[in-house]
Amino acid sequence: MLKVVDLLKMPSLGQSYIVAGHDGMFNVVKKLEIMEEPYPAVLEFLVPYEFMLTNFWSMKDNKEGRLQLVRSMIEKRCSGLGIMPGPHLNDVIDPEIIELANRSGFAIVYVSSNVRWGNVISEYGVLTHSTMMPSFDAQLGEILNSFSDFHIEKNVGRFCRDLEKLLGLPMIMSTDTVYSGISGKVSVALVISKIQSVCQESRNTLVSPISIRLDEENLIIVYFGKRSMVATYVSNTAWNQPALQMFHKIVPAITKELDRMCAIPFYKRNSQMIANLGEAQMFLVLLKRENIQNVAKELDYRYLVYEQNTFFNYCILLIPNEFTKNSEIYPEYQKIIQKLSPDFFVFSSVPLDKKELQKEVEPLKYMVNTLSYLDGIYSLDELPLLYILSYAPFEYKNRLFLNTEKLAAKEEKAFLDTLRLYAVIRNMSDVAGLLGLHTNSVKYRLGKALKQLGYSEENVLGDMYRIKLLIQLELIVLES
């Protein structure tokens, strides 16, 4: 029998989450409807076990009507309500609805603005063919002792492992970095990535706790503090186990304690710093390497560390635009590469103002997590193309007559990378400055790489084959 929580399996609701009424997430769903009628006209359409979706366009100026609708759905034993607050409610679900849903165990699902109702209905057709147990009274003393030790020692990693052992639940905690006991079968990186993707999509609408579907078998339960995060994941069949009730009881206290230990929130990290930039323009750099926590000590004092993530081993830097020409940034990038020896280096070709930085940072982190297996030097402008091509069908890639077997030699790979950077930057001197080479060496590499791919030098110096050539070079990166 289909449940409310099963709706989160649908691809169109992949970024949606249960925001209130968690006890009702296993309510049976027998019917899915799109609500367009205002209150009270909509009442005649309410039936038991019905789940409704709405953006409240017909009641955008009728807050009392919205609240009365939820009360009526609860009385009619409806399954739940999916709300898309973005278009008409300033992306905010009424707090009174959240409170009522939590009090009544009526599931409210937050739906992001990019969802199309037609996709939901279509996927629902394919998809169709709680009371907590008593708490761990015996374990409570040990949990309190563990909490007391943590309060004194401030050792988040040890506290996380102790609680995981006592509760028998996988524990994930975030302060300035991410901690986990790592005893579960699911990758911690996968859990964090899923939480991040939801937060990036809906950061202004998050309340605590939220439940996110991780995969076919597991649900993530996330509590947010002001500066911290605590999460676990459980299987569908273990939802009402006693350990989870204890988790819900103690986590709010844990997040308050963790808040005192970190200065920067996990899901809104350093956003205030960008807000304080004023009119300053910055070049953006992301680099990945082992021991990322030591990067700040090795950097030039002029660079600003915007974010340092020791879990994914990346660091985002901002470089003030103090140059007379944009091309002067490329030798500066080369200095960073020589000094820090990053495995993966992403750079912006032009300085960005505050608004542009805010638009670039979150998609950048999302793409980097997806493309984490790559190494080398990349322009910020080519990452979206790499990301899209990573999901391209094999048939498409195969038709571009790639032969990666011939690309094994390190020297040949360096030539192809030089050609790729030139196809993006379009200036030999800038590529030379970025790679620390003489311009003649860059020209030599371009000729060799073009010959290897069956092009003449004239092609790349013009625009005729630029797009196709760049796609080929990006696919070579992905395939090799």
Protein backbone atom coordinates (compact mmCIF):
# COMPACT_ATOMS: atom_id res chain seq x y z
CA MET A 1 0.00 0.00 0.00
CA LEU A 2 1.41 3.40 -1.02
CA LYS A 3 2.33 5.72 1.87
CA VAL A 4 3.01 9.48 2.00
CA VAL A 5 6.73 8.89 2.41
CA ASP A 6 6.73 6.76 -0.76
CA LEU A 7 5.82 9.85 -2.79
CA LEU A 8 9.37 11.10 -2.19
CA LYS A 9 10.61 8.24 -4.35
CA MET A 10 9.31 10.05 -7.43
CA PRO A 11 12.08 11.89 -9.37
CA SER A 12 9.99 15.05 -9.60
CA LEU A 13 9.82 15.18 -5.78
CA GLY A 14 13.46 14.27 -5.27
CA GLN A 15 14.22 17.66 -3.68
CA SER A 16 11.02 17.67 -1.60
CA TYR A 17 10.87 16.73 2.06
CA ILE A 18 8.43 16.21 4.92
CA VAL A 19 8.46 19.47 6.84
CA ALA A 20 5.78 18.80 9.46
CA GLY A 21 3.51 16.05 10.78
CA HIS A 22 6.22 13.37 10.67
CA ASP A 23 3.97 10.92 12.53
CA GLY A 24 1.73 10.93 9.46
CA MET A 25 4.41 10.04 6.93
CA PHE A 26 3.12 6.46 6.78
CA ASN A 27 -0.47 7.47 6.12
CA VAL A 28 -1.94 5.42 3.28
CA VAL A 29 -2.37 7.29 -0.04
CA LYS A 30 -5.16 6.02 -2.30
CA LYS A 31 -5.65 9.14 -4.42
CA LEU A 32 -3.49 12.08 -5.61
CA GLU A 33 -5.10 15.39 -6.60
CA ILE A 34 -4.01 18.91 -7.63
CA MET A 35 -5.99 21.49 -5.63
CA GLU A 36 -7.11 24.64 -7.46
CA GLU A 37 -10.40 25.50 -5.73
CA PRO A 38 -10.38 27.97 -2.81
CA TYR A 39 -11.76 27.28 0.63
CA PRO A 40 -14.60 26.44 1.30
CA ALA A 41 -15.45 25.30 -2.27
CA VAL A 42 -12.68 22.70 -2.08
CA LEU A 43 -14.36 20.86 0.81
CA GLU A 44 -16.68 18.88 -1.46
CA PHE A 45 -13.64 17.27 -3.11
CA LEU A 46 -11.99 16.03 0.10
CA VAL A 47 -12.08 12.26 0.64
CA PRO A 48 -10.25 9.94 3.06
CA TYR A 49 -6.73 8.74 2.07
CA GLU A 50 -6.37 11.57 -0.46
CA PHE A 51 -3.07 13.45 -0.83
CA MET A 52 -3.37 16.93 -2.31
CA LEU A 53 -0.79 19.17 -4.02
CA THR A 54 -1.18 22.96 -4.16
CA ASN A 55 0.66 26.25 -4.55
CA PHE A 56 -2.29 28.05 -2.88
CA TRP A 57 -2.69 30.45 -5.80
CA SER A 58 -6.44 30.56 -5.14
CA MET A 59 -5.88 31.37 -1.44
CA LYS A 60 -2.69 33.41 -1.54
CA ASP A 61 -4.44 36.30 0.23
CA ASN A 62 -6.54 34.11 2.54
CA LYS A 63 -4.36 32.82 5.37
CA GLU A 64 -7.34 31.77 7.48
CA GLY A 65 -8.70 29.82 4.53
CA ARG A 66 -5.42 27.94 4.19
CA LEU A 67 -5.48 27.02 7.86
CA GLN A 68 -9.14 25.96 7.73
CA LEU A 69 -8.37 23.75 4.73
CA VAL A 70 -5.73 21.85 6.70
CA ARG A 71 -8.14 21.44 9.63
CA SER A 72 -10.78 20.08 7.25
CA MET A 73 -8.33 17.65 5.62
CA ILE A 74 -7.40 16.32 9.06
CA GLU A 75 -11.08 15.86 9.94
CA LYS A 76 -11.73 14.09 6.63
CA ARG A 77 -8.77 11.74 7.31
CA CYS A 78 -6.88 12.87 4.22
CA SER A 79 -3.36 11.46 3.88
CA GLY A 80 -1.41 14.72 3.67
CA LEU A 81 -0.76 17.96 1.80
CA GLY A 82 2.08 18.95 -0.54
CA ILE A 83 2.66 22.73 -0.55
CA MET A 84 4.68 24.69 -3.13
CA PRO A 85 5.01 28.06 -1.34
CA GLY A 86 7.48 29.61 -3.77
CA PRO A 87 5.25 31.32 -6.35
CA HIS A 88 2.54 32.87 -4.15
CA LEU A 89 3.61 32.66 -0.46
CA ASN A 90 7.13 34.11 -0.67
CA ASP A 91 8.48 30.56 -0.24
CA VAL A 92 7.19 30.35 3.35
CA ILE A 93 4.68 27.80 4.66
CA ASP A 94 2.44 29.33 7.33
CA PRO A 95 3.85 28.59 10.81
CA GLU A 96 0.28 27.93 12.01
CA ILE A 97 -0.02 25.14 9.43
CA ILE A 98 3.32 23.66 10.58
CA GLU A 99 2.16 23.77 14.20
CA LEU A 100 -1.24 22.26 13.44
CA ALA A 101 0.26 19.50 11.28
CA ASN A 102 2.81 18.58 13.96
CA ARG A 103 0.13 18.54 16.61
CA SER A 104 -2.18 16.34 14.53
CA GLY A 105 0.35 14.03 12.88
CA PHE A 106 -0.75 15.30 9.46
CA ALA A 107 2.05 15.08 6.89
CA ILE A 108 3.03 18.34 5.15
CA VAL A 109 5.48 18.01 2.24
CA TYR A 110 7.48 21.04 1.08
CA VAL A 111 7.55 21.11 -2.75
CA SER A 112 10.16 23.23 -4.54
CA SER A 113 9.10 25.73 -7.22
CA ASN A 114 10.75 23.87 -10.10
CA VAL A 115 8.36 20.90 -9.77
CA ARG A 116 5.78 20.45 -12.54
CA TRP A 117 2.44 18.96 -11.49
CA GLY A 118 2.19 17.02 -14.74
CA ASN A 119 5.41 15.17 -13.92
CA VAL A 120 4.14 14.35 -10.43
CA ILE A 121 0.86 12.92 -11.75
CA SER A 122 2.67 10.92 -14.43
CA GLU A 123 5.20 9.47 -11.98
CA TYR A 124 2.47 8.74 -9.44
CA GLY A 125 0.79 6.51 -12.00
CA VAL A 126 4.04 4.56 -12.37
CA LEU A 127 4.62 4.40 -8.65
CA THR A 128 1.12 3.02 -8.00
CA HIS A 129 1.56 -1.03 -9.55
CA SER A 130 2.99 6.51 14.43
CA THR A 131 3.31 6.08 17.29
CA MET A 132 6.77 5.77 18.85
CA MET A 133 7.70 2.79 21.04
CA PRO A 134 8.65 3.32 24.72
CA SER A 135 12.02 4.93 25.18
CA PHE A 136 15.33 3.35 26.18
CA ASP A 137 14.96 3.80 29.91
CA ALA A 138 17.79 1.35 30.57
CA GLN A 139 20.15 3.25 28.27
CA LEU A 140 19.21 6.72 29.47
CA GLY A 141 21.81 6.79 32.25
CA GLU A 142 24.65 5.89 29.88
CA ILE A 143 23.47 8.47 27.35
CA LEU A 144 23.41 11.16 30.02
CA ASN A 145 26.93 10.17 31.11
CA SER A 146 28.11 10.38 27.50
CA PHE A 147 26.50 13.80 27.14
CA SER A 148 28.20 14.96 30.36
CA ASP A 149 31.60 13.79 29.08
CA PHE A 150 31.02 15.64 25.83
CA HIS A 151 30.06 18.82 27.65
CA ILE A 152 33.43 18.73 29.45
CA GLU A 153 35.77 17.34 26.78
CA LYS A 154 34.21 19.00 23.69
CA ASN A 155 35.22 15.95 21.62
CA VAL A 156 32.54 15.76 18.92
CA GLY A 157 34.00 12.70 17.20
CA ARG A 158 34.05 10.63 20.36
CA PHE A 159 30.56 11.80 21.37
CA CYS A 160 29.24 10.84 17.93
CA ARG A 161 30.76 7.34 18.16
CA ASP A 162 29.50 6.83 21.73
CA LEU A 163 25.93 7.73 20.84
CA GLU A 164 26.02 5.55 17.75
CA LYS A 165 27.04 2.62 19.92
CA LEU A 166 24.43 3.32 22.61
CA LEU A 167 21.51 3.95 20.26
CA GLY A 168 22.44 1.48 17.57
CA LEU A 169 21.78 4.20 14.98
CA PRO A 170 24.25 5.67 12.48
CA MET A 171 25.08 9.16 13.77
CA ILE A 172 26.26 12.13 11.69
CA MET A 173 27.12 15.47 13.30
CA SER A 174 28.28 18.68 11.66
CA THR A 175 30.01 21.64 13.29
CA ASP A 176 32.87 23.16 11.29
CA THR A 177 33.41 19.69 9.85
CA VAL A 178 31.46 16.42 9.65
CA TYR A 179 31.76 13.57 12.16
CA SER A 180 30.35 10.07 12.01
CA GLY A 181 30.74 6.71 13.73
CA ILE A 182 30.62 5.20 10.20
CA SER A 183 29.15 1.90 11.34
CA GLY A 184 26.23 2.01 8.92
CA LYS A 185 25.97 0.32 5.53
CA VAL A 186 25.18 3.56 3.70
CA SER A 187 27.95 5.94 2.61
CA VAL A 188 28.14 8.99 4.87
CA ALA A 189 29.14 11.05 1.83
CA LEU A 190 25.89 10.01 0.13
CA VAL A 191 23.83 11.08 3.15
CA ILE A 192 25.59 14.46 3.39
CA SER A 193 25.27 15.03 -0.35
CA LYS A 194 21.51 14.39 -0.20
CA ILE A 195 21.10 16.78 2.75
CA GLN A 196 23.19 19.43 0.97
CA SER A 197 21.15 19.16 -2.22
CA VAL A 198 17.89 19.70 -0.29
CA CYS A 199 19.40 22.60 1.68
CA GLN A 200 20.70 24.30 -1.46
CA GLU A 201 17.26 24.08 -3.04
CA SER A 202 15.29 25.20 0.02
CA ARG A 203 17.62 26.92 2.46
CA ASN A 204 15.17 29.72 3.36
CA THR A 205 12.35 27.31 4.22
CA LEU A 206 14.12 24.79 6.47
CA VAL A 207 12.59 23.96 9.82
CA SER A 208 13.74 21.27 12.21
CA PRO A 209 13.44 18.36 11.92
CA ILE A 210 12.98 17.28 8.31
CA SER A 211 12.80 13.79 6.81
CA ILE A 212 14.36 13.05 3.41
CA ARG A 213 14.13 9.87 1.39
CA LEU A 214 17.66 8.60 0.77
CA ASP A 215 16.91 5.54 -1.36
CA GLU A 216 14.37 2.74 -1.70
CA GLU A 217 15.05 1.44 1.82
CA ASN A 218 16.25 4.35 3.95
CA LEU A 219 15.04 7.69 5.28
CA ILE A 220 17.25 10.48 6.63
CA ILE A 221 16.10 12.36 9.74
CA VAL A 222 17.84 15.74 10.08
CA TYR A 223 17.83 18.21 12.97
CA PHE A 224 19.30 21.68 12.43
CA GLY A 225 20.69 23.93 15.12
CA LYS A 226 21.57 27.54 14.47
CA ARG A 227 25.11 26.55 13.52
CA SER A 228 25.08 22.76 13.50
CA MET A 229 23.37 19.67 12.17
CA VAL A 230 22.67 16.16 13.49
CA ALA A 231 21.31 13.37 11.32
CA THR A 232 20.65 9.67 11.21
CA TYR A 233 19.09 7.32 8.70
CA VAL A 234 16.75 4.38 9.24
CA SER A 235 15.07 1.80 7.06
CA ASN A 236 11.35 1.95 6.36
CA THR A 237 10.77 -1.11 8.52
CA ALA A 238 12.64 0.35 11.53
CA TRP A 239 10.81 3.66 11.65
CA ASN A 240 9.11 3.03 15.00
CA GLN A 241 12.03 1.43 16.81
CA PRO A 242 12.65 2.65 20.40
CA ALA A 243 16.10 3.98 19.53
CA LEU A 244 14.63 6.50 17.13
CA GLN A 245 12.29 7.85 19.79
CA MET A 246 15.31 8.43 22.01
CA PHE A 247 17.08 10.12 19.08
CA HIS A 248 14.19 12.58 18.71
CA LYS A 249 14.28 13.33 22.44
CA ILE A 250 17.99 14.05 22.84
CA VAL A 251 19.00 15.63 19.51
CA PRO A 252 17.56 19.12 20.17
CA ALA A 253 19.83 19.34 23.23
CA ILE A 254 22.78 18.07 21.18
CA THR A 255 22.36 20.72 18.49
CA LYS A 256 22.32 23.46 21.13
CA GLU A 257 25.60 22.17 22.53
CA LEU A 258 27.14 21.84 19.06
CA ASP A 259 26.06 25.39 18.21
CA ARG A 260 28.44 26.69 20.87
CA MET A 261 31.36 24.89 19.26
CA CYS A 262 31.20 26.24 15.71
CA ALA A 263 31.06 29.69 14.22
CA ILE A 264 29.72 28.79 10.78
CA PRO A 265 26.56 26.86 9.88
CA PHE A 266 26.94 23.70 7.80
CA TYR A 267 24.16 24.51 5.36
CA LYS A 268 24.63 28.32 5.19
CA ARG A 269 28.36 28.35 5.57
CA ASN A 270 29.99 31.78 5.25
CA SER A 271 27.00 33.30 3.47
CA GLN A 272 27.37 36.36 5.71
CA MET A 273 30.90 36.95 4.44
CA ILE A 274 29.68 37.40 0.86
CA ALA A 275 26.99 39.75 2.13
CA ASN A 276 29.72 41.90 3.69
CA LEU A 277 31.81 42.25 0.54
CA GLY A 278 30.10 45.47 -0.48
CA GLU A 279 31.07 46.50 -4.00
CA ALA A 280 34.36 44.57 -4.01
CA GLN A 281 34.98 42.16 -6.90
CA MET A 282 36.66 38.82 -6.31
CA PHE A 283 38.16 36.04 -8.38
CA LEU A 284 36.84 32.64 -7.31
CA VAL A 285 38.95 29.52 -6.79
CA LEU A 286 38.01 26.03 -5.62
CA LEU A 287 40.71 23.49 -4.94
CA LYS A 288 40.73 19.92 -3.64
CA ARG A 289 43.56 18.02 -2.02
CA GLU A 290 44.39 15.92 1.02
CA ASN A 291 45.04 17.79 4.30
CA ILE A 292 42.81 20.64 3.18
CA GLN A 293 42.73 21.94 6.77
CA ASN A 294 46.33 23.18 6.36
CA VAL A 295 45.59 25.33 3.30
CA ALA A 296 44.91 28.54 5.21
CA LYS A 297 48.40 28.43 6.77
CA GLU A 298 50.06 28.18 3.36
CA LEU A 299 48.07 30.90 1.60
CA ASP A 300 48.96 34.47 0.77
CA TYR A 301 47.41 36.82 3.35
CA ARG A 302 45.39 38.55 0.61
CA TYR A 303 43.30 35.47 -0.11
CA LEU A 304 40.01 35.00 1.75
CA VAL A 305 38.99 31.47 2.74
CA TYR A 306 35.28 31.47 1.96
CA GLU A 307 34.69 27.81 2.84
CA GLN A 308 36.84 24.90 3.97
CA ASN A 309 35.19 21.47 3.91
CA THR A 310 37.39 18.80 5.47
CA PHE A 311 34.84 16.09 4.75
CA PHE A 312 35.00 16.51 0.96
CA ASN A 313 38.55 17.95 1.09
CA TYR A 314 37.82 21.14 -0.79
CA CYS A 315 38.46 24.81 -0.10
CA ILE A 316 36.90 27.87 -1.76
CA LEU A 317 39.06 30.98 -1.98
CA LEU A 318 38.26 34.55 -2.93
CA ILE A 319 41.04 36.70 -4.40
CA PRO A 320 40.49 40.49 -4.36
CA ASN A 321 40.65 42.07 -7.81
CA GLU A 322 43.67 44.32 -7.37
CA PHE A 323 44.91 43.87 -10.94
CA THR A 324 44.99 46.40 -13.76
CA LYS A 325 44.02 43.68 -16.28
CA ASN A 326 42.10 40.43 -15.80
CA SER A 327 44.91 38.50 -17.52
CA GLU A 328 47.20 39.21 -14.54
CA ILE A 329 45.21 36.70 -12.47
CA TYR A 330 46.60 33.68 -14.39
CA PRO A 331 50.20 33.86 -13.07
CA GLU A 332 48.59 34.27 -9.62
CA TYR A 333 46.68 31.02 -10.15
CA GLN A 334 49.94 29.34 -11.17
CA LYS A 335 51.53 30.44 -7.87
CA ILE A 336 48.66 28.83 -5.94
CA ILE A 337 48.97 25.61 -7.96
CA GLN A 338 52.74 25.43 -7.40
CA LYS A 339 52.47 26.16 -3.69
CA LEU A 340 49.48 23.97 -2.77
CA SER A 341 49.70 21.18 -5.39
CA PRO A 342 45.92 20.65 -5.59
CA ASP A 343 44.47 17.51 -7.18
CA PHE A 344 41.58 19.52 -8.59
CA PHE A 345 41.63 23.27 -9.32
CA VAL A 346 38.72 25.43 -10.55
CA PHE A 347 39.14 29.13 -11.37
CA SER A 348 37.06 32.06 -12.62
CA SER A 349 38.30 33.95 -15.67
CA VAL A 350 36.75 37.23 -14.60
CA PRO A 351 36.19 38.89 -11.20
CA LEU A 352 32.71 38.50 -9.71
CA ASP A 353 30.71 40.92 -7.62
CA LYS A 354 28.68 39.96 -4.55
CA LYS A 355 25.54 38.99 -6.46
CA GLU A 356 27.47 36.92 -9.01
CA LEU A 357 29.41 35.10 -6.28
CA GLN A 358 26.21 34.12 -4.50
CA LYS A 359 24.85 32.70 -7.77
CA GLU A 360 28.04 30.74 -8.51
CA VAL A 361 29.06 29.20 -5.17
CA GLU A 362 26.18 26.79 -4.44
CA PRO A 363 25.99 25.25 -7.96
CA LEU A 364 29.78 25.00 -7.91
CA LYS A 365 29.77 22.93 -4.70
CA TYR A 366 26.98 20.72 -6.03
CA MET A 367 28.82 20.03 -9.30
CA VAL A 368 32.15 19.44 -7.56
CA ASN A 369 30.62 16.77 -5.33
CA THR A 370 29.25 15.03 -8.44
CA LEU A 371 32.52 15.38 -10.38
CA SER A 372 34.72 14.54 -7.38
CA TYR A 373 36.60 11.84 -9.32
CA LEU A 374 38.19 14.39 -11.68
CA ASP A 375 41.63 15.93 -11.34
CA GLY A 376 43.43 18.73 -13.17
CA ILE A 377 42.75 22.42 -13.87
CA TYR A 378 39.34 23.65 -14.99
CA SER A 379 37.59 26.93 -15.71
CA LEU A 380 34.43 27.66 -13.75
CA ASP A 381 32.71 28.15 -17.14
CA GLU A 382 33.26 24.56 -18.30
CA LEU A 383 31.97 22.76 -15.18
CA PRO A 384 28.28 22.90 -16.22
CA LEU A 385 29.22 21.30 -19.55
CA LEU A 386 31.19 18.57 -17.76
CA TYR A 387 28.28 17.99 -15.41
CA ILE A 388 25.75 17.65 -18.24
CA LEU A 389 28.02 15.42 -20.31
CA SER A 390 28.61 13.12 -17.34
CA TYR A 391 24.93 12.11 -17.72
CA ALA A 392 24.96 11.91 -21.53
CA PRO A 393 23.95 8.53 -23.03
CA PHE A 394 26.77 6.21 -24.05
CA GLU A 395 25.51 6.21 -27.64
CA TYR A 396 26.03 9.97 -27.86
CA LYS A 397 29.55 9.75 -26.49
CA ASN A 398 30.40 6.87 -28.80
CA ARG A 399 29.24 8.77 -31.89
CA LEU A 400 31.82 11.49 -31.24
CA PHE A 401 34.46 8.91 -32.33
CA LEU A 402 36.44 9.08 -29.11
CA ASN A 403 39.35 6.68 -28.78
CA THR A 404 40.59 6.97 -25.22
CA GLU A 405 43.00 4.05 -25.64
CA LYS A 406 45.38 6.41 -27.46
CA LEU A 407 45.28 8.94 -24.62
CA ALA A 408 47.16 6.88 -22.03
CA ALA A 409 50.49 8.70 -22.31
CA LYS A 410 50.91 11.40 -19.69
CA GLU A 411 52.45 13.77 -22.23
CA GLU A 412 49.49 13.39 -24.60
CA LYS A 413 47.04 14.06 -21.76
CA ALA A 414 48.91 17.27 -20.89
CA PHE A 415 48.65 18.41 -24.52
CA LEU A 416 44.90 17.69 -24.62
CA ASP A 417 44.37 19.51 -21.31
CA THR A 418 46.23 22.52 -22.69
CA LEU A 419 44.00 22.49 -25.77
CA ARG A 420 40.89 22.24 -23.57
CA LEU A 421 41.94 25.23 -21.47
CA TYR A 422 42.70 27.21 -24.61
CA ALA A 423 39.25 26.35 -26.04
CA VAL A 424 37.74 27.90 -22.89
CA ILE A 425 40.10 30.85 -22.24
CA ARG A 426 40.85 31.65 -25.92
CA ASN A 427 44.18 33.34 -25.24
CA MET A 428 47.61 31.68 -25.50
CA SER A 429 49.31 34.10 -23.13
CA ASP A 430 46.69 33.50 -20.43
CA VAL A 431 46.99 29.71 -20.82
CA ALA A 432 50.77 30.07 -20.60
CA GLY A 433 50.46 32.11 -17.39
CA LEU A 434 48.05 29.60 -15.87
CA LEU A 435 50.25 26.58 -16.66
CA GLY A 436 53.60 28.28 -16.04
CA LEU A 437 54.75 27.72 -19.63
CA HIS A 438 56.24 29.85 -22.40
CA THR A 439 53.76 30.91 -25.08
CA ASN A 440 55.71 28.93 -27.70
CA SER A 441 55.34 25.79 -25.56
CA VAL A 442 51.59 26.33 -25.44
CA LYS A 443 51.47 26.76 -29.22
CA TYR A 444 53.49 23.54 -29.67
CA ARG A 445 51.11 21.62 -27.40
CA LEU A 446 48.06 22.94 -29.24
CA GLY A 447 49.44 21.80 -32.58
CA LYS A 448 50.24 18.32 -31.25
CA ALA A 449 46.82 17.92 -29.61
CA LEU A 450 44.95 19.12 -32.72
CA LYS A 451 46.88 16.72 -34.92
CA GLN A 452 46.06 13.87 -32.56
CA LEU A 453 42.33 14.65 -32.81
CA GLY A 454 42.42 15.08 -36.59
CA TYR A 455 42.06 18.86 -36.70
CA SER A 456 44.28 21.46 -38.34
CA GLU A 457 45.64 24.39 -36.34
CA GLU A 458 43.49 26.82 -38.28
CA ASN A 459 40.33 25.22 -36.90
CA VAL A 460 41.02 26.00 -33.26
CA LEU A 461 42.27 29.50 -33.95
CA GLY A 462 38.92 30.30 -35.53
CA ASP A 463 35.42 29.58 -34.25
CA MET A 464 34.19 27.01 -36.76
CA TYR A 465 34.78 23.87 -34.71
CA ARG A 466 35.13 25.39 -31.30
CA ILE A 467 31.98 24.00 -29.66
CA LYS A 468 32.30 20.50 -31.07
CA LEU A 469 36.00 20.43 -30.22
CA LEU A 470 35.34 21.57 -26.65
CA ILE A 471 32.68 18.87 -26.18
CA GLN A 472 35.12 16.25 -27.46
CA LEU A 473 37.81 17.45 -25.05
CA GLU A 474 35.39 17.47 -22.08
CA LEU A 475 34.28 13.92 -22.95
CA ILE A 476 37.91 12.83 -23.08
CA VAL A 477 38.32 14.14 -19.54
CA LEU A 478 35.27 12.17 -18.37
CA GLU A 479 36.16 8.98 -20.22
CA SER A 480 39.83 8.87 -19.30
